N, C-alpha and C. Protein backbone atom coordinates (compact mmCIF):
# COMPACT_ATOMS: atom_id res chain seq x y z
N MET A 1 8.61 -9.08 -0.37
CA MET A 1 8.93 -8.10 0.57
C MET A 1 7.91 -7.55 1.28
N ILE A 2 7.77 -7.44 2.62
CA ILE A 2 6.83 -6.82 3.48
C ILE A 2 6.84 -5.43 3.52
N THR A 3 5.66 -4.65 3.29
CA THR A 3 5.65 -3.31 3.26
C THR A 3 4.72 -2.91 4.33
N LEU A 4 5.22 -2.05 5.27
CA LEU A 4 4.26 -1.47 6.32
C LEU A 4 3.87 -0.05 6.06
N TYR A 5 2.65 0.27 5.93
CA TYR A 5 2.21 1.51 5.58
C TYR A 5 1.49 2.23 6.87
N GLY A 6 1.80 3.54 6.99
CA GLY A 6 1.23 4.08 8.22
C GLY A 6 1.85 5.48 8.37
N ILE A 7 1.92 5.98 9.43
CA ILE A 7 2.34 7.39 9.85
C ILE A 7 3.37 7.08 10.99
N LYS A 8 4.68 7.70 10.75
CA LYS A 8 5.79 7.49 11.52
C LYS A 8 5.59 7.71 13.09
N ASN A 9 4.81 8.69 13.45
CA ASN A 9 4.66 8.96 14.95
C ASN A 9 3.39 8.39 15.48
N CYS A 10 2.65 7.40 14.77
CA CYS A 10 1.58 6.67 15.26
C CYS A 10 2.02 5.62 16.26
N ASP A 11 1.42 5.67 17.41
CA ASP A 11 1.88 4.60 18.43
C ASP A 11 1.65 3.14 17.98
N THR A 12 0.54 2.89 17.37
CA THR A 12 0.31 1.66 16.84
C THR A 12 1.27 1.11 15.70
N VAL A 13 1.67 1.93 14.95
CA VAL A 13 2.67 1.84 13.82
C VAL A 13 3.92 1.53 14.58
N LYS A 14 4.49 2.17 15.52
CA LYS A 14 5.63 2.04 16.29
C LYS A 14 5.59 0.50 16.84
N LYS A 15 4.59 0.17 17.48
CA LYS A 15 4.40 -1.10 17.97
C LYS A 15 4.57 -2.25 16.88
N ALA A 16 3.95 -2.02 15.81
CA ALA A 16 3.96 -2.95 14.63
C ALA A 16 5.50 -3.10 14.16
N ARG A 17 6.13 -1.85 14.07
CA ARG A 17 7.49 -1.92 13.55
C ARG A 17 8.34 -2.59 14.54
N ALA A 18 8.25 -2.31 15.92
CA ALA A 18 9.03 -2.97 17.00
C ALA A 18 8.87 -4.38 16.93
N TRP A 19 7.55 -4.87 16.65
CA TRP A 19 7.28 -6.36 16.61
C TRP A 19 8.15 -6.95 15.46
N LEU A 20 7.95 -6.42 14.19
CA LEU A 20 8.62 -6.96 13.19
C LEU A 20 10.13 -7.05 13.26
N GLU A 21 10.72 -5.93 13.90
CA GLU A 21 12.15 -5.92 14.09
C GLU A 21 12.56 -6.95 15.15
N ALA A 22 11.66 -7.23 16.15
CA ALA A 22 11.89 -8.26 17.17
C ALA A 22 11.93 -9.65 16.64
N GLN A 23 11.14 -9.74 15.56
CA GLN A 23 11.05 -11.05 14.93
C GLN A 23 12.11 -11.34 13.78
N GLY A 24 12.92 -10.23 13.55
CA GLY A 24 13.93 -10.38 12.66
C GLY A 24 13.35 -10.33 11.27
N MET A 25 12.11 -9.76 11.02
CA MET A 25 11.56 -9.66 9.82
C MET A 25 11.73 -8.46 9.03
N ALA A 26 12.34 -8.53 7.81
CA ALA A 26 12.63 -7.34 6.96
C ALA A 26 11.42 -6.76 6.40
N TYR A 27 11.41 -5.53 6.48
CA TYR A 27 10.25 -4.83 5.87
C TYR A 27 10.65 -3.36 5.29
N GLN A 28 9.84 -2.87 4.56
CA GLN A 28 9.90 -1.59 4.11
C GLN A 28 8.89 -0.64 4.72
N PHE A 29 9.17 0.56 5.08
CA PHE A 29 8.18 1.40 5.87
C PHE A 29 7.75 2.51 4.86
N HIS A 30 6.41 2.66 4.65
CA HIS A 30 5.99 3.77 3.78
C HIS A 30 5.10 4.67 4.63
N ASP A 31 5.65 5.89 4.85
CA ASP A 31 4.82 6.81 5.66
C ASP A 31 4.00 7.50 4.70
N PHE A 32 2.75 7.21 4.63
CA PHE A 32 1.81 7.84 3.66
C PHE A 32 1.49 9.25 4.10
N ARG A 33 1.74 9.86 5.06
CA ARG A 33 1.64 11.35 5.37
C ARG A 33 2.80 11.98 4.57
N LYS A 34 3.94 11.52 4.75
CA LYS A 34 5.01 12.09 3.91
C LYS A 34 5.15 11.69 2.59
N GLU A 35 4.91 10.34 2.20
CA GLU A 35 5.24 9.90 0.88
C GLU A 35 4.03 9.91 0.07
N GLY A 36 2.68 10.06 0.66
CA GLY A 36 1.60 10.11 -0.04
C GLY A 36 1.01 8.73 -0.30
N LEU A 37 -0.22 8.59 -0.93
CA LEU A 37 -0.75 7.38 -1.12
C LEU A 37 -1.67 7.59 -2.46
N ASP A 38 -1.61 6.59 -3.34
CA ASP A 38 -2.22 6.78 -4.60
C ASP A 38 -3.59 6.10 -4.63
N ALA A 39 -4.49 6.45 -5.47
CA ALA A 39 -5.87 5.92 -5.55
C ALA A 39 -5.85 4.37 -5.84
N PRO A 40 -4.85 3.96 -6.80
CA PRO A 40 -4.96 2.50 -7.08
C PRO A 40 -4.69 1.61 -5.85
N LEU A 41 -3.76 2.10 -5.03
CA LEU A 41 -3.34 1.26 -3.80
C LEU A 41 -4.45 1.26 -2.90
N LEU A 42 -5.07 2.43 -2.70
CA LEU A 42 -6.15 2.58 -1.74
C LEU A 42 -7.40 1.68 -2.22
N GLU A 43 -7.69 1.78 -3.53
CA GLU A 43 -8.82 0.92 -4.01
C GLU A 43 -8.36 -0.76 -3.95
N LYS A 44 -7.19 -0.93 -4.12
CA LYS A 44 -6.71 -2.36 -3.69
C LYS A 44 -7.05 -2.85 -2.40
N TRP A 45 -6.77 -1.97 -1.40
CA TRP A 45 -6.89 -2.18 0.06
C TRP A 45 -8.48 -2.35 0.17
N GLU A 46 -9.22 -1.29 -0.44
CA GLU A 46 -10.67 -1.42 -0.15
C GLU A 46 -11.24 -2.60 -0.76
N ALA A 47 -10.92 -3.26 -1.83
CA ALA A 47 -11.35 -4.37 -2.40
C ALA A 47 -11.10 -5.57 -1.39
N ILE A 48 -9.94 -5.64 -0.69
CA ILE A 48 -9.71 -6.71 0.11
C ILE A 48 -10.31 -6.57 1.49
N LEU A 49 -10.22 -5.37 2.03
CA LEU A 49 -10.61 -5.09 3.50
C LEU A 49 -11.97 -4.38 3.67
N GLY A 50 -12.43 -3.77 2.68
CA GLY A 50 -13.56 -2.96 2.68
C GLY A 50 -13.26 -1.50 3.22
N TRP A 51 -14.10 -0.66 2.77
CA TRP A 51 -13.79 0.86 3.13
C TRP A 51 -14.26 1.10 4.62
N GLU A 52 -15.18 0.30 5.11
CA GLU A 52 -15.55 0.53 6.36
C GLU A 52 -14.42 0.18 7.43
N ALA A 53 -13.69 -0.82 7.16
CA ALA A 53 -12.55 -1.21 7.95
C ALA A 53 -11.37 -0.27 7.75
N LEU A 54 -11.20 0.33 6.61
CA LEU A 54 -10.17 1.18 6.36
C LEU A 54 -10.37 2.69 6.99
N LEU A 55 -11.60 3.08 7.11
CA LEU A 55 -11.79 4.39 7.62
C LEU A 55 -11.86 4.37 9.01
N ASN A 56 -10.83 5.17 9.69
CA ASN A 56 -10.75 5.16 11.14
C ASN A 56 -11.65 6.23 11.73
N LYS A 57 -12.78 5.93 12.20
CA LYS A 57 -13.68 6.77 12.88
C LYS A 57 -13.44 7.04 14.29
N ARG A 58 -12.57 6.46 14.86
CA ARG A 58 -12.16 6.74 16.25
C ARG A 58 -10.95 7.83 16.57
N GLY A 59 -10.41 8.17 15.44
CA GLY A 59 -9.15 9.00 15.56
C GLY A 59 -9.52 10.44 15.72
N THR A 60 -8.67 11.23 15.97
CA THR A 60 -8.83 12.65 16.02
C THR A 60 -9.03 13.25 14.73
N SER A 61 -8.59 12.73 13.56
CA SER A 61 -8.64 13.31 12.31
C SER A 61 -10.20 13.15 11.96
N TRP A 62 -10.82 12.02 12.30
CA TRP A 62 -12.22 11.96 12.05
C TRP A 62 -13.16 13.05 12.69
N ARG A 63 -12.73 13.26 14.15
CA ARG A 63 -13.50 13.98 14.94
C ARG A 63 -13.30 15.49 14.50
N LYS A 64 -12.15 15.87 13.96
CA LYS A 64 -11.96 17.28 13.40
C LYS A 64 -12.61 17.57 12.15
N LEU A 65 -13.18 16.63 11.46
CA LEU A 65 -13.87 16.77 10.23
C LEU A 65 -15.20 17.68 10.62
N ASP A 66 -15.59 18.48 9.60
CA ASP A 66 -16.92 19.15 9.71
C ASP A 66 -17.96 18.04 9.80
N GLU A 67 -19.11 18.40 10.45
CA GLU A 67 -20.21 17.41 10.50
C GLU A 67 -20.69 17.00 9.12
N SER A 68 -20.75 18.06 8.30
CA SER A 68 -21.22 17.79 6.99
C SER A 68 -20.13 16.73 6.18
N GLN A 69 -18.95 16.66 6.46
CA GLN A 69 -18.07 15.73 5.96
C GLN A 69 -18.36 14.34 6.44
N ARG A 70 -18.67 14.19 7.74
CA ARG A 70 -18.92 12.89 8.31
C ARG A 70 -20.26 12.43 8.07
N GLU A 71 -21.30 13.19 7.74
CA GLU A 71 -22.62 12.77 7.65
C GLU A 71 -22.66 12.01 6.19
N GLY A 72 -23.53 10.92 6.23
CA GLY A 72 -23.78 10.29 4.90
C GLY A 72 -22.55 9.60 4.24
N VAL A 73 -21.53 9.27 4.91
CA VAL A 73 -20.35 8.59 4.41
C VAL A 73 -20.62 7.15 3.75
N ASP A 74 -20.44 7.20 2.42
CA ASP A 74 -20.60 5.98 1.65
C ASP A 74 -19.15 5.81 1.12
N ARG A 75 -19.13 4.71 0.27
CA ARG A 75 -17.72 4.17 -0.22
C ARG A 75 -17.09 5.35 -1.01
N ALA A 76 -17.79 6.02 -1.77
CA ALA A 76 -17.14 7.08 -2.69
C ALA A 76 -16.66 8.26 -1.82
N LYS A 77 -17.38 8.67 -0.86
CA LYS A 77 -17.13 9.83 0.08
C LYS A 77 -15.94 9.38 0.90
N ALA A 78 -15.94 8.15 1.54
CA ALA A 78 -14.92 7.65 2.31
C ALA A 78 -13.54 7.63 1.57
N MET A 79 -13.58 7.18 0.41
CA MET A 79 -12.34 6.94 -0.34
C MET A 79 -11.81 8.28 -0.75
N ALA A 80 -12.53 9.33 -1.07
CA ALA A 80 -11.96 10.70 -1.41
C ALA A 80 -11.52 11.18 -0.15
N LEU A 81 -12.19 11.05 1.08
CA LEU A 81 -11.75 11.59 2.36
C LEU A 81 -10.34 10.92 2.66
N MET A 82 -10.19 9.74 2.49
CA MET A 82 -8.94 8.96 2.88
C MET A 82 -7.78 9.42 2.04
N LEU A 83 -8.17 9.74 0.62
CA LEU A 83 -7.10 10.10 -0.20
C LEU A 83 -6.66 11.57 0.08
N GLU A 84 -7.50 12.25 0.43
CA GLU A 84 -7.22 13.67 0.86
C GLU A 84 -6.44 13.88 2.20
N GLN A 85 -6.96 13.03 3.14
CA GLN A 85 -6.51 13.06 4.29
C GLN A 85 -6.08 11.73 4.91
N THR A 86 -4.83 11.28 4.45
CA THR A 86 -4.30 9.83 4.84
C THR A 86 -4.46 9.55 6.20
N SER A 87 -4.49 10.41 7.19
CA SER A 87 -4.51 10.11 8.63
C SER A 87 -5.90 9.58 8.98
N LEU A 88 -6.89 9.58 7.96
CA LEU A 88 -8.08 8.96 8.27
C LEU A 88 -8.06 7.48 8.08
N ILE A 89 -6.93 6.86 7.59
CA ILE A 89 -6.91 5.46 7.32
C ILE A 89 -6.38 4.88 8.54
N LYS A 90 -7.05 3.63 8.89
CA LYS A 90 -6.73 2.83 10.01
C LYS A 90 -5.27 2.34 9.80
N ARG A 91 -4.55 2.37 10.94
CA ARG A 91 -3.12 2.06 10.70
C ARG A 91 -2.81 0.96 11.71
N PRO A 92 -1.59 0.30 11.37
CA PRO A 92 -1.04 0.25 10.01
C PRO A 92 -1.72 -0.79 9.09
N VAL A 93 -1.18 -0.63 7.84
CA VAL A 93 -1.64 -1.64 6.84
C VAL A 93 -0.34 -2.22 6.54
N LEU A 94 -0.31 -3.60 6.46
CA LEU A 94 0.76 -4.48 6.04
C LEU A 94 0.53 -5.16 4.96
N GLU A 95 1.40 -5.24 4.12
CA GLU A 95 1.20 -6.08 2.78
C GLU A 95 2.46 -7.08 2.73
N THR A 96 2.16 -8.32 2.63
CA THR A 96 3.22 -9.29 2.51
C THR A 96 3.45 -9.80 1.10
N GLY A 97 2.52 -9.53 0.21
CA GLY A 97 2.75 -10.06 -1.03
C GLY A 97 1.61 -11.18 -1.24
N THR A 98 1.18 -11.76 -0.20
CA THR A 98 -0.01 -12.78 -0.22
C THR A 98 -1.19 -12.33 0.73
N LYS A 99 -0.82 -11.47 1.58
CA LYS A 99 -1.77 -10.92 2.57
C LYS A 99 -1.76 -9.52 2.83
N THR A 100 -3.01 -8.91 2.99
CA THR A 100 -2.96 -7.43 3.52
C THR A 100 -3.76 -7.48 4.80
N LEU A 101 -2.94 -6.99 5.84
CA LEU A 101 -3.47 -6.85 7.12
C LEU A 101 -3.75 -5.45 7.50
N ILE A 102 -4.69 -5.19 8.43
CA ILE A 102 -4.92 -3.77 8.96
C ILE A 102 -5.07 -3.84 10.49
N GLY A 103 -4.35 -2.82 11.12
CA GLY A 103 -4.33 -2.70 12.64
C GLY A 103 -3.10 -3.59 12.97
N PHE A 104 -2.98 -3.59 14.34
CA PHE A 104 -1.79 -4.46 14.91
C PHE A 104 -2.18 -4.84 16.37
N THR A 105 -1.90 -6.07 16.68
CA THR A 105 -1.70 -6.61 17.90
C THR A 105 -0.65 -7.74 17.65
N ALA A 106 0.07 -8.12 18.71
CA ALA A 106 1.16 -9.08 18.50
C ALA A 106 0.68 -10.31 18.18
N ASP A 107 -0.53 -10.72 18.72
CA ASP A 107 -1.21 -11.98 18.45
C ASP A 107 -1.67 -12.08 17.19
N TYR A 108 -2.19 -10.90 16.71
CA TYR A 108 -2.71 -10.99 15.31
C TYR A 108 -1.65 -11.26 14.24
N TYR A 109 -0.52 -10.39 14.43
CA TYR A 109 0.62 -10.63 13.51
C TYR A 109 1.25 -12.04 13.61
N ALA A 110 1.37 -12.58 14.88
CA ALA A 110 1.86 -13.83 15.11
C ALA A 110 1.12 -14.94 14.40
N ASP A 111 -0.23 -14.80 14.45
CA ASP A 111 -1.08 -15.78 13.70
C ASP A 111 -1.11 -15.67 12.28
N GLU A 112 -0.92 -14.35 11.75
CA GLU A 112 -1.11 -14.24 10.34
C GLU A 112 0.30 -14.38 9.53
N LEU A 113 1.36 -14.07 10.33
CA LEU A 113 2.63 -14.07 9.71
C LEU A 113 3.40 -15.32 10.17
């Protein structure tokens, strides 16, 4: 079963959901802002993708952090921040059972799925 993780009102997540639906691919959506995210799942993603790829430094959530929170970010600090504020995670994250993908473009999904 495919699971798409993200935030319901995120434009990129909306595009990914529309693409999956247009392809007739069944998936489960997990809104980690509403449903939360546990440390073991985040650690699994980090082991596959790396914390640098998971941490979205381009979004407004990152810019809203105090400078002291943004300075000296390492793995431990990034993981704690992402668990505390899930909107800091780059979206969407897609798990297929055999692959874990981050971000979305139609070409990327077509190539990987």
